[in-house]
Amino acid sequence: MKTFGKLVLGSTLIGAIGLAQAADHFGGVTWGETSNNMQKSHSLNAQLNDPDLDGAIKNSGTWGVRLGTVEDNARFYVTYDYASDTRHQYKLRQQNLLGSYDALLPVGDQGTRLFGGVSAGLVSLEQESRGFHRDRDVGLAGGVQAGIIQNLGYNVALEGGYRYLRTSADVQLKERGVGNAGRADLHSSEQFYVGVNYRF
């Protein structure tokens, strides 16, 4: 599964190179909030009394960087996102590496465009909770995004958006000196964000 994910990402990057020959480039940074839906095994809930793993990354600060190509009615870009947070003793770290395609729809004549599209790539989930052995997994991610872009002139644009991802990463929680308590799956992830893009 992980090998397939790498092939998907590699194909995505090759596609980006092809588009780059016929379109303008852009780069940008984003900041937002991520919330996760964690699905826990029965043994984990029983041994740890239903731990609040959803709360570990919930409305948590998330930063990202992106690089891509843009045309009049579409754009293609690669994004890296990072989020890490703690609730009680449970600490999770999430990193996304995604290739995305958006269709762009101009609205009016003030440089405003709506966008909507799809994303696919890899997600890394790390569990670094106090009192547990560290664990990490890399899985696949796929989802959709939508939002609005406002051109400010001088090749600078502001962006606000929402992204929803379904993922396949999971981690084990093994208490130190006790053993394996169970497994937690990162079922889905959602992010609200704002960003600044520079076209060159």
C-alpha atoms as a PDB file:
ATOM      1  CA  MET A   1       0.000   0.000   0.000  1.00  0.00           C
ATOM      2  CA  LYS A   2       2.805   2.401   0.878  1.00  0.00           C
ATOM      3  CA  THR A   3       4.583   1.591  -2.393  1.00  0.00           C
ATOM      4  CA  PHE A   4       1.374   2.345  -4.305  1.00  0.00           C
ATOM      5  CA  GLY A   5       1.122   5.680  -2.505  1.00  0.00           C
ATOM      6  CA  LYS A   6       4.644   6.597  -3.547  1.00  0.00           C
ATOM      7  CA  LEU A   7       3.822   5.725  -7.170  1.00  0.00           C
ATOM      8  CA  VAL A   8       0.721   7.924  -7.042  1.00  0.00           C
ATOM      9  CA  LEU A   9       2.721  10.814  -5.622  1.00  0.00           C
ATOM     10  CA  GLY A  10       5.493  10.318  -8.162  1.00  0.00           C
ATOM     11  CA  SER A  11       3.004  10.398 -11.031  1.00  0.00           C
ATOM     12  CA  THR A  12       1.494  13.546  -9.561  1.00  0.00           C
ATOM     13  CA  LEU A  13       4.868  15.278  -9.466  1.00  0.00           C
ATOM     14  CA  ILE A  14       5.618  14.269 -13.061  1.00  0.00           C
ATOM     15  CA  GLY A  15       2.290  15.768 -14.091  1.00  0.00           C
ATOM     16  CA  ALA A  16       3.199  18.980 -12.314  1.00  0.00           C
ATOM     17  CA  ILE A  17       6.445  19.211 -14.283  1.00  0.00           C
ATOM     18  CA  GLY A  18       4.514  18.800 -17.536  1.00  0.00           C
ATOM     19  CA  LEU A  19       2.072  21.556 -16.647  1.00  0.00           C
ATOM     20  CA  ALA A  20       4.888  23.820 -15.541  1.00  0.00           C
ATOM     21  CA  GLN A  21       6.077  24.092 -19.138  1.00  0.00           C
ATOM     22  CA  ALA A  22       2.836  25.762 -20.235  1.00  0.00           C
ATOM     23  CA  ALA A  23       1.759  27.852 -17.227  1.00  0.00           C
ATOM     24  CA  ASP A  24       2.960  30.368 -14.667  1.00  0.00           C
ATOM     25  CA  HIS A  25       4.452  29.243 -11.391  1.00  0.00           C
ATOM     26  CA  PHE A  26       3.288  30.204  -7.934  1.00  0.00           C
ATOM     27  CA  GLY A  27       4.409  29.598  -4.384  1.00  0.00           C
ATOM     28  CA  GLY A  28       2.679  30.260  -1.115  1.00  0.00           C
ATOM     29  CA  VAL A  29       2.290  29.725   2.600  1.00  0.00           C
ATOM     30  CA  THR A  30      -0.822  28.790   4.551  1.00  0.00           C
ATOM     31  CA  TRP A  31      -1.989  28.896   8.157  1.00  0.00           C
ATOM     32  CA  GLY A  32      -5.114  27.319   9.547  1.00  0.00           C
ATOM     33  CA  GLU A  33      -6.720  24.838  11.913  1.00  0.00           C
ATOM     34  CA  THR A  34      -6.927  21.049  11.590  1.00  0.00           C
ATOM     35  CA  SER A  35      -9.326  18.661  13.327  1.00  0.00           C
ATOM     36  CA  ASN A  36      -9.078  14.857  13.142  1.00  0.00           C
ATOM     37  CA  ASN A  37     -11.517  11.986  13.436  1.00  0.00           C
ATOM     38  CA  MET A  38      -9.714   9.110  15.177  1.00  0.00           C
ATOM     39  CA  GLN A  39     -11.255   5.635  15.231  1.00  0.00           C
ATOM     40  CA  LYS A  40     -10.071   3.564  18.209  1.00  0.00           C
ATOM     41  CA  SER A  41      -9.979  -0.203  18.616  1.00  0.00           C
ATOM     42  CA  HIS A  42     -12.210  -1.880  21.220  1.00  0.00           C
ATOM     43  CA  SER A  43      -9.172  -2.947  23.232  1.00  0.00           C
ATOM     44  CA  LEU A  44      -7.853   0.628  23.290  1.00  0.00           C
ATOM     45  CA  ASN A  45     -11.149   2.002  24.568  1.00  0.00           C
ATOM     46  CA  ALA A  46     -11.409  -0.752  27.176  1.00  0.00           C
ATOM     47  CA  GLN A  47      -7.865  -0.519  28.540  1.00  0.00           C
ATOM     48  CA  LEU A  48      -7.514   3.280  28.455  1.00  0.00           C
ATOM     49  CA  ASN A  49     -11.121   4.185  29.314  1.00  0.00           C
ATOM     50  CA  ASP A  50     -12.056   5.697  25.931  1.00  0.00           C
ATOM     51  CA  PRO A  51      -9.074   8.084  25.507  1.00  0.00           C
ATOM     52  CA  ASP A  52      -9.821  11.452  23.891  1.00  0.00           C
ATOM     53  CA  LEU A  53      -7.575  11.092  20.845  1.00  0.00           C
ATOM     54  CA  ASP A  54      -9.917  13.223  18.707  1.00  0.00           C
ATOM     55  CA  GLY A  55      -9.051  16.087  21.048  1.00  0.00           C
ATOM     56  CA  ALA A  56      -5.294  15.769  20.482  1.00  0.00           C
ATOM     57  CA  ILE A  57      -5.533  17.513  17.106  1.00  0.00           C
ATOM     58  CA  LYS A  58      -8.734  19.548  17.260  1.00  0.00           C
ATOM     59  CA  ASN A  59      -8.776  23.106  15.932  1.00  0.00           C
ATOM     60  CA  SER A  60      -4.989  22.850  16.111  1.00  0.00           C
ATOM     61  CA  GLY A  61      -2.717  25.368  14.414  1.00  0.00           C
ATOM     62  CA  THR A  62      -1.452  24.114  11.057  1.00  0.00           C
ATOM     63  CA  TRP A  63       1.091  25.666   8.713  1.00  0.00           C
ATOM     64  CA  GLY A  64       1.908  24.712   5.166  1.00  0.00           C
ATOM     65  CA  VAL A  65       3.943  25.573   2.096  1.00  0.00           C
ATOM     66  CA  ARG A  66       3.021  25.006  -1.540  1.00  0.00           C
ATOM     67  CA  LEU A  67       4.464  25.248  -5.018  1.00  0.00           C
ATOM     68  CA  GLY A  68       2.668  24.825  -8.299  1.00  0.00           C
ATOM     69  CA  THR A  69       1.534  26.090 -11.667  1.00  0.00           C
ATOM     70  CA  VAL A  70      -1.515  28.178 -12.539  1.00  0.00           C
ATOM     71  CA  GLU A  71      -3.430  28.946 -15.723  1.00  0.00           C
ATOM     72  CA  ASP A  72      -6.523  31.058 -16.312  1.00  0.00           C
ATOM     73  CA  ASN A  73      -8.993  28.333 -15.354  1.00  0.00           C
ATOM     74  CA  ALA A  74      -6.987  25.730 -13.416  1.00  0.00           C
ATOM     75  CA  ARG A  75      -4.020  25.182 -11.157  1.00  0.00           C
ATOM     76  CA  PHE A  76      -1.921  22.252 -10.012  1.00  0.00           C
ATOM     77  CA  TYR A  77       0.246  22.317  -6.878  1.00  0.00           C
ATOM     78  CA  VAL A  78       2.080  20.288  -4.259  1.00  0.00           C
ATOM     79  CA  THR A  79       1.480  21.109  -0.581  1.00  0.00           C
ATOM     80  CA  TYR A  80       3.240  20.150   2.640  1.00  0.00           C
ATOM     81  CA  ASP A  81       1.204  20.636   5.847  1.00  0.00           C
ATOM     82  CA  TYR A  82       2.256  20.202   9.484  1.00  0.00           C
ATOM     83  CA  ALA A  83       0.146  19.979  12.652  1.00  0.00           C
ATOM     84  CA  SER A  84       1.037  18.812  16.158  1.00  0.00           C
ATOM     85  CA  ASP A  85      -0.866  19.107  19.427  1.00  0.00           C
ATOM     86  CA  THR A  86      -1.538  17.509  22.814  1.00  0.00           C
ATOM     87  CA  ARG A  87      -4.619  16.824  24.925  1.00  0.00           C
ATOM     88  CA  HIS A  88      -4.016  15.488  28.420  1.00  0.00           C
ATOM     89  CA  GLN A  89      -1.101  13.061  27.937  1.00  0.00           C
ATOM     90  CA  TYR A  90      -1.961  12.211  24.315  1.00  0.00           C
ATOM     91  CA  LYS A  91       0.247  13.842  21.689  1.00  0.00           C
ATOM     92  CA  LEU A  92      -0.124  13.414  17.925  1.00  0.00           C
ATOM     93  CA  ARG A  93       1.795  14.851  14.981  1.00  0.00           C
ATOM     94  CA  GLN A  94       0.411  14.892  11.443  1.00  0.00           C
ATOM     95  CA  GLN A  95       2.190  15.731   8.196  1.00  0.00           C
ATOM     96  CA  ASN A  96       0.576  15.770   4.741  1.00  0.00           C
ATOM     97  CA  LEU A  97       2.289  15.728   1.352  1.00  0.00           C
ATOM     98  CA  LEU A  98      -0.391  16.260  -1.295  1.00  0.00           C
ATOM     99  CA  GLY A  99      -0.722  16.868  -4.992  1.00  0.00           C
ATOM    100  CA  SER A 100      -3.834  18.932  -5.793  1.00  0.00           C
ATOM    101  CA  TYR A 101      -5.801  20.060  -8.830  1.00  0.00           C
ATOM    102  CA  ASP A 102      -8.299  22.954  -8.716  1.00  0.00           C
ATOM    103  CA  ALA A 103     -10.696  24.326 -11.299  1.00  0.00           C
ATOM    104  CA  LEU A 104     -10.868  28.156 -11.101  1.00  0.00           C
ATOM    105  CA  LEU A 105     -14.034  30.163 -11.686  1.00  0.00           C
ATOM    106  CA  PRO A 106     -13.761  33.972 -12.077  1.00  0.00           C
ATOM    107  CA  VAL A 107     -16.380  35.999 -10.184  1.00  0.00           C
ATOM    108  CA  GLY A 108     -16.870  39.592 -11.332  1.00  0.00           C
ATOM    109  CA  ASP A 109     -14.032  41.766 -12.593  1.00  0.00           C
ATOM    110  CA  GLN A 110     -12.201  42.481  -9.316  1.00  0.00           C
ATOM    111  CA  GLY A 111      -9.743  39.587  -9.496  1.00  0.00           C
ATOM    112  CA  THR A 112     -11.902  37.215  -7.418  1.00  0.00           C
ATOM    113  CA  ARG A 113     -12.005  33.512  -8.252  1.00  0.00           C
ATOM    114  CA  LEU A 114     -13.693  30.521  -6.656  1.00  0.00           C
ATOM    115  CA  PHE A 115     -11.871  27.197  -6.666  1.00  0.00           C
ATOM    116  CA  GLY A 116     -12.733  23.566  -6.130  1.00  0.00           C
ATOM    117  CA  GLY A 117     -10.742  20.431  -6.685  1.00  0.00           C
ATOM    118  CA  VAL A 118      -9.256  17.160  -5.507  1.00  0.00           C
ATOM    119  CA  SER A 119      -6.107  16.137  -3.623  1.00  0.00           C
ATOM    120  CA  ALA A 120      -4.166  12.890  -3.211  1.00  0.00           C
ATOM    121  CA  GLY A 121      -0.910  11.946  -1.561  1.00  0.00           C
ATOM    122  CA  LEU A 122       0.631  10.708   1.667  1.00  0.00           C
ATOM    123  CA  VAL A 123      -0.074  11.336   5.346  1.00  0.00           C
ATOM    124  CA  SER A 124       2.331  10.676   8.225  1.00  0.00           C
ATOM    125  CA  LEU A 125       0.875  10.162  11.718  1.00  0.00           C
ATOM    126  CA  GLU A 126       3.086  10.029  14.810  1.00  0.00           C
ATOM    127  CA  GLN A 127       2.048   9.157  18.345  1.00  0.00           C
ATOM    128  CA  GLU A 128       4.333  10.615  21.037  1.00  0.00           C
ATOM    129  CA  SER A 129       2.100  10.413  24.104  1.00  0.00           C
ATOM    130  CA  ARG A 130       3.570  10.589  27.588  1.00  0.00           C
ATOM    131  CA  GLY A 131       3.938   7.121  29.119  1.00  0.00           C
ATOM    132  CA  PHE A 132       3.688   5.318  25.757  1.00  0.00           C
ATOM    133  CA  HIS A 133       6.211   4.036  23.240  1.00  0.00           C
ATOM    134  CA  ARG A 134       6.488   6.262  20.198  1.00  0.00           C
ATOM    135  CA  ASP A 135       4.861   4.966  17.010  1.00  0.00           C
ATOM    136  CA  ARG A 136       4.597   6.265  13.428  1.00  0.00           C
ATOM    137  CA  ASP A 137       2.809   5.251  10.246  1.00  0.00           C
ATOM    138  CA  VAL A 138       2.641   6.581   6.679  1.00  0.00           C
ATOM    139  CA  GLY A 139      -0.600   6.063   4.792  1.00  0.00           C
ATOM    140  CA  LEU A 140      -2.541   7.310   1.802  1.00  0.00           C
ATOM    141  CA  ALA A 141      -4.720  10.412   1.758  1.00  0.00           C
ATOM    142  CA  GLY A 142      -7.338  11.642  -0.676  1.00  0.00           C
ATOM    143  CA  GLY A 143      -9.980  14.308  -0.561  1.00  0.00           C
ATOM    144  CA  VAL A 144     -11.513  17.527  -1.819  1.00  0.00           C
ATOM    145  CA  GLN A 145     -11.054  21.252  -1.252  1.00  0.00           C
ATOM    146  CA  ALA A 146     -12.880  24.481  -2.084  1.00  0.00           C
ATOM    147  CA  GLY A 147     -12.511  28.178  -1.375  1.00  0.00           C
ATOM    148  CA  ILE A 148     -11.934  31.654  -2.731  1.00  0.00           C
ATOM    149  CA  ILE A 149      -8.910  33.537  -4.099  1.00  0.00           C
ATOM    150  CA  GLN A 150      -8.601  37.324  -4.203  1.00  0.00           C
ATOM    151  CA  ASN A 151      -5.951  38.911  -6.412  1.00  0.00           C
ATOM    152  CA  LEU A 152      -4.264  41.884  -4.700  1.00  0.00           C
ATOM    153  CA  GLY A 153      -2.089  42.928  -7.639  1.00  0.00           C
ATOM    154  CA  TYR A 154       1.693  42.743  -8.011  1.00  0.00           C
ATOM    155  CA  ASN A 155       1.269  38.959  -8.524  1.00  0.00           C
ATOM    156  CA  VAL A 156       0.078  38.519  -4.906  1.00  0.00           C
ATOM    157  CA  ALA A 157      -3.192  36.831  -3.968  1.00  0.00           C
ATOM    158  CA  LEU A 158      -4.971  35.956  -0.723  1.00  0.00           C
ATOM    159  CA  GLU A 159      -6.712  32.615  -0.393  1.00  0.00           C
ATOM    160  CA  GLY A 160      -9.171  31.074   2.044  1.00  0.00           C
ATOM    161  CA  GLY A 161     -10.294  27.475   1.847  1.00  0.00           C
ATOM    162  CA  TYR A 162     -11.505  24.225   3.352  1.00  0.00           C
ATOM    163  CA  ARG A 163     -10.054  20.744   2.751  1.00  0.00           C
ATOM    164  CA  TYR A 164     -11.433  17.342   3.713  1.00  0.00           C
ATOM    165  CA  LEU A 165      -9.235  14.225   3.585  1.00  0.00           C
ATOM    166  CA  ARG A 166      -9.843  10.521   4.085  1.00  0.00           C
ATOM    167  CA  THR A 167      -6.694   8.777   5.269  1.00  0.00           C
ATOM    168  CA  SER A 168      -5.317   5.315   6.031  1.00  0.00           C
ATOM    169  CA  ALA A 169      -2.639   5.989   8.676  1.00  0.00           C
ATOM    170  CA  ASP A 170      -2.830   4.333  12.109  1.00  0.00           C
ATOM    171  CA  VAL A 171      -0.691   4.119  15.247  1.00  0.00           C
ATOM    172  CA  GLN A 172      -0.416   1.786  18.210  1.00  0.00           C
ATOM    173  CA  LEU A 173      -0.450   2.859  21.837  1.00  0.00           C
ATOM    174  CA  LYS A 174       1.911   0.670  23.879  1.00  0.00           C
ATOM    175  CA  GLU A 175       2.181   1.670  27.518  1.00  0.00           C
ATOM    176  CA  ARG A 176       5.706   1.566  28.861  1.00  0.00           C
ATOM    177  CA  GLY A 177       6.159  -1.487  31.052  1.00  0.00           C
ATOM    178  CA  VAL A 178       2.639  -2.768  30.299  1.00  0.00           C
ATOM    179  CA  GLY A 179       2.233  -3.648  26.619  1.00  0.00           C
ATOM    180  CA  ASN A 180      -0.010  -2.920  23.675  1.00  0.00           C
ATOM    181  CA  ALA A 181      -3.236  -1.170  24.651  1.00  0.00           C
ATOM    182  CA  GLY A 182      -4.637  -0.979  21.118  1.00  0.00           C
ATOM    183  CA  ARG A 183      -4.665   0.857  17.817  1.00  0.00           C
ATOM    184  CA  ALA A 184      -5.988   4.233  16.654  1.00  0.00           C
ATOM    185  CA  ASP A 185      -6.796   4.968  12.992  1.00  0.00           C
ATOM    186  CA  LEU A 186      -6.775   8.442  11.466  1.00  0.00           C
ATOM    187  CA  HIS A 187     -10.083   8.044   9.635  1.00  0.00           C
ATOM    188  CA  SER A 188     -10.443  11.604   8.320  1.00  0.00           C
ATOM    189  CA  SER A 189      -9.030  15.092   8.665  1.00  0.00           C
ATOM    190  CA  GLU A 190     -10.441  18.532   7.919  1.00  0.00           C
ATOM    191  CA  GLN A 191      -8.721  21.885   7.666  1.00  0.00           C
ATOM    192  CA  PHE A 192      -9.786  25.517   7.386  1.00  0.00           C
ATOM    193  CA  TYR A 193      -6.980  27.785   6.232  1.00  0.00           C
ATOM    194  CA  VAL A 194      -5.919  31.143   4.845  1.00  0.00           C
ATOM    195  CA  GLY A 195      -2.902  31.682   2.649  1.00  0.00           C
ATOM    196  CA  VAL A 196      -0.801  34.054   0.598  1.00  0.00           C
ATOM    197  CA  ASN A 197       0.338  33.128  -2.914  1.00  0.00           C
ATOM    198  CA  TYR A 198       2.952  34.778  -5.094  1.00  0.00           C
ATOM    199  CA  ARG A 199       2.830  34.249  -8.855  1.00  0.00           C
ATOM    200  CA  PHE A 200       6.108  34.309 -10.791  1.00  0.00           C
END
